[in-house]
Amino acid sequence: MAIEQVFQCPKTIAKLRGGALGNLMEGFCQWLLNTGFGCSCIRRHLGNVSHLNAFLGDSHTPPLETLSAQDVTAFFEEYPRVSRHRGALQAHLDAVRASINRFIAYLLSQGLYEAPVEAPIYQPLLDGYLAWLRREHGATSGTCELRAASLVKFLRWLGPQATAEGLSVLSAEQVEQFFLAAAREQGQAARRSLQAALRTFFRFCFQQGIVQQCLDRAVPTLRTYKRARPPRGLDEQQVQQVLAGVDRRCAAGQRDYAILQLLSTYGVRAGQVRALRLDDIHWTNNEILFRATKKGKDALLPLSREVGESLLVYLCEARPTGCWPEVFLTCRAPYHPLAENCIVSQIVRQRLAGAGIEAPAHGAHVFRHAFATRMLAEGHSLKAIGDVLGHRHLSTTFIYTTVDFKALADVALPWPEEETA
């Protein structure tokens, strides 16, 4: 039995096995053990969930087969008033909430949690649009999340009109009014994301017959200038400073060092690092394969000695054991592959801050810019740079020409001297 592996006191074991949640606690404990949690952490989670168990009834209460969202909501409304915890109440409530959220994650995985059924009025439209985006445009999960976040702002602005019937009477003036108002409060990147989301959404609506005329041209185009500023990357000294600042005596440091080595050595995107699989590293041939993202090209590149050594150290000493095909996993239980590209960028931000570097940007792309700038300075052609970076079109690589200061100096006109009378 799983609970007996963690607890020894018969009274505690009986308490956990009794009450409304008694039938669910054993499975929860086993799930925590299987996902890599330590015994002390499991004891804490089960102890916190026992407060919910006590709230739902005493030892004579018939056991529940499932847990509902209403039960959890009612518990958190009542528990702060009756809690007898001796320490800081808010810290205790946060710990209990974290444990119950972990319990809910287990129940969801087993189909034992009754989630709220209320959905926004616009949910059918949003779900249909995202399915169309994946099917027709081959959009990745990251792109879908970005488009959904932008589109939800518009659908919430529409209110009761955010239905198929409401969109049928939507006017171009309404679209323009919303976009101009939203654009005033957003930066350039957010405006472009909103613009793309709205235009693709209206094309979806037109294709599905929801609207009679395509309103994608009603979304205003705000003037921006390509290559108005140089790419926001690191210089070579800063790259080495970040790498040198990683403490590789712990598992997180060994993992992060390997990730930073990949970013700086190959200029790959965060998504390519996250998606790197064990069989993408060809140790015999000294090659490493990076899968294409954003409809680019796969890149099969030589495996450098430094990258190979950092990967070996991580795989042999720090990577949790398991059957996951992805190379990089979380460092804390429950162990699983890195869920989002932003986690890689978060690692970069933390390591930049740890090295005391004030970079113009703080995501994983700063290493990509640094890599392209370094190749350009070494005299490589734009075609070669684009091939390594996985660009399908050379125009995408042109952004890095703005940092070729040597070439710019060669074509610069002499500064006119001031004539004195």
Protein backbone atom coordinates (compact mmCIF):
# COMPACT_ATOMS: atom_id res chain seq x y z
CA MET A 1 0.00 0.00 0.00
CA ALA A 2 1.28 3.45 -0.93
CA ILE A 3 0.26 5.28 2.25
CA GLU A 4 2.13 2.74 4.39
CA GLN A 5 5.30 3.57 2.43
CA VAL A 6 5.08 7.16 3.62
CA PHE A 7 3.42 7.02 7.06
CA GLN A 8 4.02 4.71 10.03
CA CYS A 9 1.52 5.96 12.62
CA PRO A 10 -1.62 3.73 12.54
CA LYS A 11 -3.87 6.62 13.61
CA THR A 12 -2.62 8.84 10.79
CA ILE A 13 -3.06 6.05 8.25
CA ALA A 14 -6.60 5.36 9.49
CA LYS A 15 -7.44 9.06 9.33
CA LEU A 16 -6.23 9.33 5.74
CA ARG A 17 -8.12 6.21 4.70
CA GLY A 18 -11.35 7.37 6.33
CA GLY A 19 -13.80 10.13 5.54
CA ALA A 20 -15.24 11.29 2.25
CA LEU A 21 -11.92 11.19 0.38
CA GLY A 22 -10.65 7.93 1.87
CA ASN A 23 -11.03 6.02 -1.40
CA LEU A 24 -9.08 8.67 -3.33
CA MET A 25 -6.14 9.26 -0.98
CA GLU A 26 -4.42 5.93 -1.69
CA GLY A 27 -4.37 6.58 -5.42
CA PHE A 28 -3.18 10.15 -4.85
CA CYS A 29 -0.31 8.92 -2.69
CA GLN A 30 0.70 6.34 -5.30
CA TRP A 31 0.54 8.99 -8.04
CA LEU A 32 2.86 11.26 -6.05
CA LEU A 33 5.31 8.39 -5.55
CA ASN A 34 5.24 7.53 -9.26
CA THR A 35 5.92 11.13 -10.29
CA GLY A 36 9.03 11.38 -8.14
CA PHE A 37 7.94 13.24 -5.01
CA GLY A 38 9.91 12.61 -1.85
CA CYS A 39 8.30 11.17 1.28
CA SER A 40 8.46 14.44 3.24
CA CYS A 41 6.76 16.32 0.40
CA ILE A 42 4.07 13.61 0.09
CA ARG A 43 3.38 13.78 3.83
CA ARG A 44 2.89 17.53 3.53
CA HIS A 45 0.50 17.21 0.56
CA LEU A 46 -1.59 14.48 2.17
CA GLY A 47 -1.72 16.40 5.43
CA ASN A 48 -3.00 19.50 3.66
CA VAL A 49 -5.59 17.55 1.66
CA SER A 50 -6.80 15.97 4.91
CA HIS A 51 -8.23 19.40 5.85
CA LEU A 52 -10.52 19.13 2.82
CA ASN A 53 -11.33 15.55 3.81
CA ALA A 54 -12.35 16.70 7.30
CA PHE A 55 -14.49 19.49 5.84
CA LEU A 56 -16.42 17.06 3.65
CA GLY A 57 -17.38 14.82 6.59
CA ASP A 58 -16.21 12.67 9.47
CA SER A 59 -15.06 9.05 9.50
CA HIS A 60 -18.66 7.84 9.13
CA THR A 61 -19.28 9.81 5.93
CA PRO A 62 -19.76 7.57 2.89
CA PRO A 63 -16.68 7.80 0.65
CA LEU A 64 -16.94 9.89 -2.50
CA GLU A 65 -16.17 8.46 -5.91
CA THR A 66 -15.43 11.90 -7.41
CA LEU A 67 -14.73 15.44 -6.20
CA SER A 68 -16.53 18.48 -7.58
CA ALA A 69 -15.38 22.05 -8.07
CA GLN A 70 -18.27 23.19 -5.86
CA ASP A 71 -16.86 21.14 -2.96
CA VAL A 72 -13.46 22.80 -3.31
CA THR A 73 -14.96 26.29 -3.59
CA ALA A 74 -17.10 25.76 -0.49
CA PHE A 75 -14.06 24.51 1.45
CA PHE A 76 -11.96 27.59 0.70
CA GLU A 77 -14.85 29.87 1.65
CA GLU A 78 -15.25 28.19 5.05
CA TYR A 79 -11.76 26.99 6.01
CA PRO A 80 -10.09 30.41 6.68
CA ARG A 81 -12.70 31.04 9.39
CA VAL A 82 -12.23 27.73 11.21
CA SER A 83 -8.53 27.03 10.68
CA ARG A 84 -6.52 26.55 13.89
CA HIS A 85 -3.10 26.71 12.28
CA ARG A 86 -0.61 28.36 14.65
CA GLY A 87 1.55 30.05 12.03
CA ALA A 88 0.75 32.78 9.52
CA LEU A 89 -2.73 32.08 8.14
CA GLN A 90 -2.09 33.25 4.58
CA ALA A 91 1.05 31.15 4.19
CA HIS A 92 -0.85 28.12 5.49
CA LEU A 93 -3.76 28.76 3.10
CA ASP A 94 -1.34 29.05 0.17
CA ALA A 95 0.24 25.70 1.09
CA VAL A 96 -3.17 24.03 1.41
CA ARG A 97 -4.30 25.47 -1.91
CA ALA A 98 -1.13 24.21 -3.62
CA SER A 99 -1.67 20.69 -2.24
CA ILE A 100 -5.33 20.63 -3.23
CA ASN A 101 -4.42 21.85 -6.72
CA ARG A 102 -2.00 18.93 -6.92
CA PHE A 103 -4.80 16.63 -5.73
CA ILE A 104 -7.10 18.02 -8.42
CA ALA A 105 -4.42 17.40 -11.07
CA TYR A 106 -4.37 13.75 -10.01
CA LEU A 107 -8.16 13.51 -10.07
CA LEU A 108 -8.31 15.08 -13.53
CA SER A 109 -5.81 12.54 -14.82
CA GLN A 110 -8.12 9.78 -13.56
CA GLY A 111 -11.37 11.39 -14.66
CA LEU A 112 -12.51 11.80 -11.05
CA TYR A 113 -12.95 15.58 -10.89
CA GLU A 114 -16.14 17.38 -11.86
CA ALA A 115 -14.91 20.69 -13.25
CA PRO A 116 -17.21 23.72 -13.59
CA VAL A 117 -19.35 23.46 -16.71
CA GLU A 118 -19.83 27.18 -17.22
CA ALA A 119 -18.01 28.35 -20.33
CA PRO A 120 -17.75 31.83 -21.85
CA ILE A 121 -20.33 32.66 -24.48
CA TYR A 122 -17.57 32.93 -27.07
CA GLN A 123 -16.00 29.52 -26.33
CA PRO A 124 -17.50 27.67 -29.36
CA LEU A 125 -16.17 30.38 -31.69
CA LEU A 126 -12.73 30.31 -30.08
CA ASP A 127 -12.50 26.51 -30.17
CA GLY A 128 -13.54 26.41 -33.83
CA TYR A 129 -11.02 29.09 -34.76
CA LEU A 130 -8.12 27.35 -33.02
CA ALA A 131 -8.99 24.00 -34.61
CA TRP A 132 -9.11 25.70 -38.03
CA LEU A 133 -5.79 27.43 -37.33
CA ARG A 134 -4.10 24.12 -36.53
CA ARG A 135 -5.68 22.33 -39.49
CA GLU A 136 -5.35 24.95 -42.24
CA HIS A 137 -2.22 26.80 -41.15
CA GLY A 138 -0.33 24.10 -39.28
CA ALA A 139 -0.10 26.41 -36.26
CA THR A 140 1.90 25.15 -33.29
CA SER A 141 0.53 25.09 -29.75
CA GLY A 142 2.55 28.20 -28.91
CA THR A 143 1.09 30.12 -31.85
CA CYS A 144 -2.43 29.00 -30.93
CA GLU A 145 -1.97 30.21 -27.35
CA LEU A 146 -0.70 33.56 -28.58
CA ARG A 147 -3.57 34.01 -31.04
CA ALA A 148 -6.13 32.91 -28.43
CA ALA A 149 -4.83 35.40 -25.85
CA SER A 150 -5.16 38.25 -28.35
CA LEU A 151 -8.53 37.18 -29.70
CA VAL A 152 -10.11 36.74 -26.28
CA LYS A 153 -9.63 40.48 -25.67
CA PHE A 154 -11.75 41.22 -28.75
CA LEU A 155 -14.41 38.62 -27.93
CA ARG A 156 -14.74 39.93 -24.37
CA TRP A 157 -15.05 43.44 -25.78
CA LEU A 158 -17.95 42.26 -27.95
CA GLY A 159 -19.75 40.90 -24.90
CA PRO A 160 -23.13 39.32 -25.78
CA GLN A 161 -22.36 39.85 -29.46
CA ALA A 162 -19.50 37.30 -29.32
CA THR A 163 -21.60 34.57 -30.94
CA ALA A 164 -22.07 33.37 -34.52
CA GLU A 165 -25.35 35.32 -34.69
CA GLY A 166 -23.79 38.45 -33.22
CA LEU A 167 -20.86 38.41 -35.63
CA SER A 168 -23.23 38.27 -38.57
CA VAL A 169 -24.10 41.94 -37.95
CA LEU A 170 -20.58 43.06 -36.99
CA SER A 171 -19.45 46.18 -38.84
CA ALA A 172 -16.05 47.29 -40.07
CA GLU A 173 -16.40 50.42 -37.92
CA GLN A 174 -16.68 48.29 -34.76
CA VAL A 175 -13.54 46.36 -35.70
CA GLU A 176 -11.58 49.53 -36.34
CA GLN A 177 -12.85 51.14 -33.13
CA PHE A 178 -11.71 48.19 -31.00
CA PHE A 179 -8.31 47.82 -32.64
CA LEU A 180 -7.34 51.50 -32.43
CA ALA A 181 -8.38 51.68 -28.77
CA ALA A 182 -6.48 48.49 -27.89
CA ALA A 183 -3.39 49.52 -29.88
CA ARG A 184 -2.92 52.69 -27.83
CA GLU A 185 -2.23 50.58 -24.72
CA GLN A 186 0.09 48.01 -26.34
CA GLY A 187 3.61 47.83 -27.65
CA GLN A 188 4.57 47.07 -31.23
CA ALA A 189 4.83 43.29 -30.80
CA ALA A 190 1.45 43.05 -29.01
CA ARG A 191 -0.21 45.17 -31.71
CA ARG A 192 1.14 42.94 -34.44
CA SER A 193 -0.03 39.83 -32.59
CA LEU A 194 -3.52 41.28 -32.15
CA GLN A 195 -3.59 42.31 -35.80
CA ALA A 196 -2.67 38.79 -36.95
CA ALA A 197 -5.21 37.17 -34.62
CA LEU A 198 -8.07 39.38 -35.78
CA ARG A 199 -7.30 39.02 -39.47
CA THR A 200 -7.02 35.23 -39.37
CA PHE A 201 -10.16 35.05 -37.22
CA PHE A 202 -12.22 37.03 -39.74
CA ARG A 203 -10.92 34.82 -42.55
CA PHE A 204 -12.05 31.80 -40.54
CA CYS A 205 -15.48 33.37 -39.99
CA PHE A 206 -15.86 34.15 -43.70
CA GLN A 207 -14.80 30.65 -44.74
CA GLN A 208 -17.27 29.11 -42.29
CA GLY A 209 -20.11 31.35 -43.47
CA ILE A 210 -20.43 33.13 -40.12
CA VAL A 211 -20.01 36.54 -41.80
CA GLN A 212 -21.06 37.45 -45.33
CA GLN A 213 -18.04 39.63 -46.07
CA CYS A 214 -14.48 39.17 -44.88
CA LEU A 215 -13.59 41.85 -42.37
CA ASP A 216 -9.86 41.20 -42.29
CA ARG A 217 -9.16 44.45 -44.14
CA ALA A 218 -11.12 46.38 -41.53
CA VAL A 219 -8.23 45.78 -39.12
CA PRO A 220 -6.04 48.89 -39.53
CA THR A 221 -2.40 48.61 -40.54
CA LEU A 222 -0.11 50.61 -38.27
CA ARG A 223 3.10 51.75 -39.90
CA THR A 224 6.24 50.03 -38.67
CA TYR A 225 9.73 49.97 -40.15
CA LYS A 226 11.76 46.85 -40.74
CA ARG A 227 15.24 46.80 -39.24
CA ALA A 228 14.68 50.19 -37.60
CA ARG A 229 16.94 49.02 -34.79
CA PRO A 230 19.64 46.37 -34.54
CA PRO A 231 18.81 42.89 -33.20
CA ARG A 232 18.77 42.80 -29.43
CA GLY A 233 21.45 40.23 -28.71
CA LEU A 234 24.47 39.69 -26.48
CA ASP A 235 28.08 40.21 -27.39
CA GLU A 236 30.56 37.33 -27.11
CA GLN A 237 31.92 38.52 -23.77
CA GLN A 238 28.43 38.58 -22.27
CA VAL A 239 27.70 35.08 -23.59
CA GLN A 240 30.79 33.71 -21.86
CA GLN A 241 29.92 35.65 -18.71
CA VAL A 242 26.48 34.01 -18.56
CA LEU A 243 27.94 30.53 -19.07
CA ALA A 244 30.63 31.08 -16.45
CA GLY A 245 28.03 32.23 -13.93
CA VAL A 246 26.08 28.95 -13.89
CA ASP A 247 26.64 26.84 -10.78
CA ARG A 248 27.00 23.33 -12.20
CA ARG A 249 27.20 21.60 -8.82
CA CYS A 250 23.41 21.09 -8.77
CA ALA A 251 20.99 19.39 -11.15
CA ALA A 252 19.33 22.65 -12.22
CA GLY A 253 22.71 24.19 -13.00
CA GLN A 254 23.80 21.23 -15.13
CA ARG A 255 20.53 21.32 -17.07
CA ASP A 256 20.58 25.08 -17.57
CA TYR A 257 24.24 25.05 -18.61
CA ALA A 258 23.49 22.47 -21.32
CA ILE A 259 20.53 24.55 -22.53
CA LEU A 260 22.61 27.73 -22.67
CA GLN A 261 25.37 25.88 -24.52
CA LEU A 262 22.89 24.79 -27.19
CA LEU A 263 21.45 28.30 -27.54
CA SER A 264 24.82 29.99 -27.83
CA THR A 265 26.55 27.38 -30.00
CA TYR A 266 23.81 26.81 -32.58
CA GLY A 267 21.52 29.84 -32.33
CA VAL A 268 18.45 27.62 -32.14
CA ARG A 269 15.05 28.73 -30.92
CA ALA A 270 13.65 27.96 -27.49
CA GLY A 271 11.11 25.60 -29.06
CA GLN A 272 13.86 23.58 -30.74
CA VAL A 273 15.69 23.14 -27.43
CA ARG A 274 12.49 22.14 -25.67
CA ALA A 275 11.60 19.63 -28.41
CA LEU A 276 15.10 18.07 -28.60
CA ARG A 277 14.79 14.31 -28.17
CA LEU A 278 17.31 11.74 -27.03
CA ASP A 279 17.43 10.13 -30.48
CA ASP A 280 18.17 13.52 -32.10
CA ILE A 281 21.69 13.34 -30.65
CA HIS A 282 23.74 11.13 -32.95
CA TRP A 283 26.71 10.34 -30.73
CA THR A 284 28.40 7.97 -33.20
CA ASN A 285 28.42 10.52 -36.03
CA ASN A 286 28.99 13.54 -33.76
CA GLU A 287 25.83 15.22 -35.07
CA ILE A 288 22.77 16.80 -33.53
CA LEU A 289 19.39 17.32 -35.21
CA PHE A 290 17.17 20.30 -34.50
CA ARG A 291 13.60 19.93 -35.72
CA ALA A 292 12.11 22.78 -37.71
CA THR A 293 9.78 25.31 -36.12
CA LYS A 294 7.73 28.08 -37.73
CA LYS A 295 7.68 26.12 -41.03
CA GLY A 296 11.47 26.41 -41.27
CA LYS A 297 13.96 23.69 -42.16
CA ASP A 298 15.46 20.90 -40.06
CA ALA A 299 19.10 21.50 -39.19
CA LEU A 300 21.56 18.60 -38.85
CA LEU A 301 24.71 20.14 -37.36
CA PRO A 302 28.05 18.92 -36.01
CA LEU A 303 28.01 18.12 -32.31
CA SER A 304 30.71 20.28 -30.75
CA ARG A 305 32.88 18.93 -27.97
CA GLU A 306 31.67 21.51 -25.43
CA VAL A 307 28.00 20.84 -26.16
CA GLY A 308 28.51 17.08 -26.12
CA GLU A 309 30.26 17.19 -22.74
CA SER A 310 27.58 19.40 -21.17
CA LEU A 311 24.82 17.13 -22.49
CA LEU A 312 26.59 14.01 -21.20
CA VAL A 313 27.02 15.49 -17.73
CA TYR A 314 23.34 16.43 -17.59
CA LEU A 315 22.08 13.11 -18.94
CA CYS A 316 24.29 10.99 -16.70
CA GLU A 317 24.20 12.98 -13.47
CA ALA A 318 21.20 15.32 -13.36
CA ARG A 319 18.37 14.16 -15.63
CA PRO A 320 15.59 12.32 -13.75
CA THR A 321 15.14 8.70 -14.74
CA GLY A 322 12.07 7.97 -16.82
CA CYS A 323 10.77 7.00 -20.24
CA TRP A 324 10.37 10.51 -21.67
CA PRO A 325 11.94 10.94 -25.13
CA GLU A 326 12.68 14.64 -24.59
CA VAL A 327 16.16 15.55 -23.39
CA PHE A 328 15.28 18.31 -20.95
CA LEU A 329 12.95 17.73 -18.00
CA THR A 330 11.88 19.66 -14.94
CA CYS A 331 14.22 19.49 -11.96
CA ARG A 332 11.48 19.08 -9.36
CA ALA A 333 8.73 16.50 -9.06
CA PRO A 334 6.45 15.81 -10.76
CA TYR A 335 9.09 15.31 -13.46
CA HIS A 336 7.99 15.95 -17.03
CA PRO A 337 9.30 17.62 -20.21
CA LEU A 338 9.40 21.41 -20.27
CA ALA A 339 5.80 22.36 -21.02
CA GLU A 340 6.22 25.71 -22.79
CA ASN A 341 8.85 27.61 -24.77
CA CYS A 342 8.61 30.41 -22.23
CA ILE A 343 10.22 28.13 -19.63
CA VAL A 344 13.45 28.17 -21.67
CA SER A 345 13.25 31.96 -21.88
CA GLN A 346 12.62 32.09 -18.14
CA ILE A 347 15.82 30.09 -17.58
CA VAL A 348 17.69 32.59 -19.75
CA ARG A 349 16.26 35.54 -17.81
CA GLN A 350 17.29 34.02 -14.50
CA ARG A 351 20.82 33.30 -15.72
CA LEU A 352 21.20 36.79 -17.20
CA ALA A 353 20.14 38.29 -13.89
CA GLY A 354 22.49 35.97 -12.02
CA ALA A 355 25.38 37.11 -14.20
CA GLY A 356 24.47 40.77 -13.65
CA ILE A 357 23.90 41.45 -17.36
CA GLU A 358 21.49 44.18 -18.40
CA ALA A 359 20.47 42.97 -21.86
CA PRO A 360 18.09 44.89 -24.20
CA ALA A 361 15.93 41.74 -24.23
CA HIS A 362 15.77 38.83 -21.82
CA GLY A 363 14.41 35.85 -23.75
CA ALA A 364 16.17 32.92 -25.40
CA HIS A 365 16.36 34.89 -28.65
CA VAL A 366 19.24 37.02 -27.33
CA PHE A 367 21.52 34.00 -27.91
CA ARG A 368 20.13 33.52 -31.42
CA HIS A 369 20.92 37.13 -32.26
CA ALA A 370 24.38 36.76 -30.72
CA PHE A 371 25.04 33.66 -32.81
CA ALA A 372 24.00 35.30 -36.09
CA THR A 373 26.03 38.40 -35.30
CA ARG A 374 29.08 36.27 -34.57
CA MET A 375 28.74 34.36 -37.87
CA LEU A 376 28.35 37.60 -39.78
CA ALA A 377 31.44 39.08 -38.15
CA GLU A 378 33.41 35.95 -39.10
CA GLY A 379 32.58 36.53 -42.76
CA HIS A 380 29.94 33.86 -43.35
CA SER A 381 27.41 34.57 -46.10
CA LEU A 382 23.78 35.32 -45.37
CA LYS A 383 22.86 32.09 -47.15
CA ALA A 384 25.07 30.07 -44.77
CA ILE A 385 23.68 31.89 -41.74
CA GLY A 386 20.12 31.32 -42.92
CA ASP A 387 20.76 27.60 -43.46
CA VAL A 388 22.09 27.15 -39.93
CA LEU A 389 19.26 29.19 -38.42
CA GLY A 390 16.70 27.20 -40.42
CA HIS A 391 15.34 30.16 -42.40
CA ARG A 392 13.42 29.24 -45.55
CA HIS A 393 13.69 32.74 -47.01
CA LEU A 394 16.81 34.87 -47.16
CA SER A 395 14.78 37.98 -46.38
CA THR A 396 14.36 36.66 -42.83
CA THR A 397 18.13 36.64 -42.39
CA PHE A 398 18.49 40.25 -43.62
CA ILE A 399 17.64 41.56 -40.16
CA TYR A 400 21.16 40.68 -39.04
CA THR A 401 22.80 42.92 -41.66
CA THR A 402 22.05 45.89 -39.37
CA VAL A 403 24.76 44.71 -36.97
CA ASP A 404 27.52 44.41 -39.58
CA PHE A 405 29.16 47.57 -38.36
CA LYS A 406 32.34 46.94 -40.36
CA ALA A 407 30.44 46.86 -43.64
CA LEU A 408 28.46 49.92 -42.61
CA ALA A 409 31.68 51.76 -41.87
CA ASP A 410 33.01 50.91 -45.33
CA VAL A 411 30.05 52.50 -47.09
CA ALA A 412 29.61 55.46 -44.74
CA LEU A 413 30.19 58.90 -46.22
CA PRO A 414 32.80 61.13 -44.55
CA TRP A 415 31.45 63.60 -42.05
CA PRO A 416 31.49 67.09 -43.62
CA GLU A 417 34.01 69.40 -42.02
CA GLU A 418 32.83 72.71 -40.73
CA GLU A 419 34.10 75.63 -42.74
CA THR A 420 35.25 78.66 -40.84
CA ALA A 421 35.27 82.11 -42.35
